[in-house]
């Protein structure tokens, strides 16, 4: 015997109307509001070690990469590959 589920629009009855994506559950707050978990990846600015006139933007996993990100990338002002170091995006 197949079990039937009632649907209303796109959502099944008995499910939470505001169900979080990917099975994430909201974290209860002390003030009665619910907050969502923060993103693991953050955007960082990569600036060259010399004159910081040109920069790249990269993503970084803040939990696994705790030290500053250093990448060797092309600097069009110097016209060569130089080391770029992480700094904050303002």
Protein backbone atom coordinates (compact mmCIF):
# COMPACT_ATOMS: atom_id res chain seq x y z
CA UNK A 1 0.00 0.00 0.00
CA UNK A 2 1.56 3.29 -1.11
CA UNK A 3 1.51 6.17 1.32
CA UNK A 4 0.09 9.39 -0.05
CA UNK A 5 1.33 12.83 0.99
CA UNK A 6 -0.84 15.90 0.78
CA UNK A 7 0.65 18.87 -0.96
CA UNK A 8 -0.29 22.51 -0.84
CA UNK A 9 1.31 24.45 -3.63
CA UNK A 10 4.98 23.43 -3.68
CA UNK A 11 5.34 22.46 -0.02
CA UNK A 12 4.26 19.24 1.65
CA UNK A 13 1.93 19.55 4.60
CA UNK A 14 3.61 18.80 7.89
CA UNK A 15 6.93 20.35 6.83
CA UNK A 16 8.23 23.62 8.20
CA UNK A 17 7.28 26.54 5.99
CA UNK A 18 10.69 28.17 6.33
CA UNK A 19 12.86 25.05 6.28
CA UNK A 20 16.55 25.93 6.00
CA UNK A 21 18.49 24.80 2.90
CA UNK A 22 20.71 21.70 3.00
CA UNK A 23 19.39 20.58 6.38
CA UNK A 24 20.98 23.47 8.31
CA UNK A 25 19.17 24.29 11.50
CA UNK A 26 19.00 27.86 12.80
CA UNK A 27 20.90 28.60 15.97
CA UNK A 28 18.70 29.95 18.80
CA UNK A 29 19.69 33.38 20.06
CA UNK A 30 19.45 34.67 23.61
CA UNK A 31 17.04 37.46 22.62
CA UNK A 32 14.47 35.11 21.12
CA UNK A 33 15.56 35.68 17.52
CA UNK A 34 17.01 32.91 15.39
CA UNK A 35 20.29 33.40 13.56
CA UNK A 36 21.76 31.38 10.68
CA UNK A 37 25.26 29.89 10.77
CA UNK A 38 27.96 32.15 9.33
CA UNK A 39 29.62 31.34 6.03
CA UNK A 40 32.90 29.44 6.18
CA UNK A 41 34.42 31.14 3.14
CA UNK A 42 35.34 34.81 3.24
CA UNK A 43 36.53 37.20 0.56
CA UNK A 44 40.02 38.66 0.99
CA UNK A 45 41.98 41.26 -0.90
CA UNK A 46 45.38 40.26 -2.35
CA UNK A 47 47.77 43.22 -2.60
CA UNK A 48 51.37 43.16 -3.88
CA UNK A 49 54.24 43.65 -1.47
CA UNK A 50 55.45 46.72 -3.35
CA UNK A 51 53.12 49.62 -4.29
CA UNK A 52 49.52 48.46 -3.55
CA UNK A 53 47.87 50.12 -6.58
CA UNK A 54 46.49 46.91 -8.10
CA UNK A 55 44.81 44.07 -6.21
CA UNK A 56 43.01 40.74 -6.67
CA UNK A 57 40.01 39.42 -4.73
CA UNK A 58 40.05 35.76 -3.65
CA UNK A 59 37.97 33.42 -1.50
CA UNK A 60 39.45 31.71 1.53
CA UNK A 61 38.20 29.07 3.95
CA UNK A 62 38.67 30.82 7.30
CA UNK A 63 38.48 27.61 9.36
CA UNK A 64 41.18 25.61 7.58
CA UNK A 65 43.47 28.45 6.45
CA UNK A 66 44.13 30.51 9.57
CA UNK A 67 47.36 32.12 8.37
CA UNK A 68 47.60 34.93 5.80
CA UNK A 69 47.15 33.89 2.19
CA UNK A 70 50.16 34.46 -0.11
CA UNK A 71 49.94 33.80 -3.85
CA UNK A 72 52.27 34.50 -6.74
CA UNK A 73 50.22 36.31 -9.39
CA UNK A 74 50.75 38.66 -12.32
CA UNK A 75 51.08 42.37 -11.55
CA UNK A 76 50.25 44.41 -14.68
CA UNK A 77 51.94 47.55 -13.30
CA UNK A 78 55.26 45.78 -12.73
CA UNK A 79 54.66 43.52 -15.78
CA UNK A 80 55.85 40.39 -13.98
CA UNK A 81 54.74 37.80 -11.45
CA UNK A 82 55.08 38.96 -7.84
CA UNK A 83 53.86 37.73 -4.47
CA UNK A 84 50.49 39.04 -3.35
CA UNK A 85 49.63 38.99 0.35
CA UNK A 86 46.21 38.96 1.99
CA UNK A 87 44.67 42.09 3.49
CA UNK A 88 41.17 43.07 4.60
CA UNK A 89 38.49 44.30 2.22
CA UNK A 90 37.32 47.69 3.49
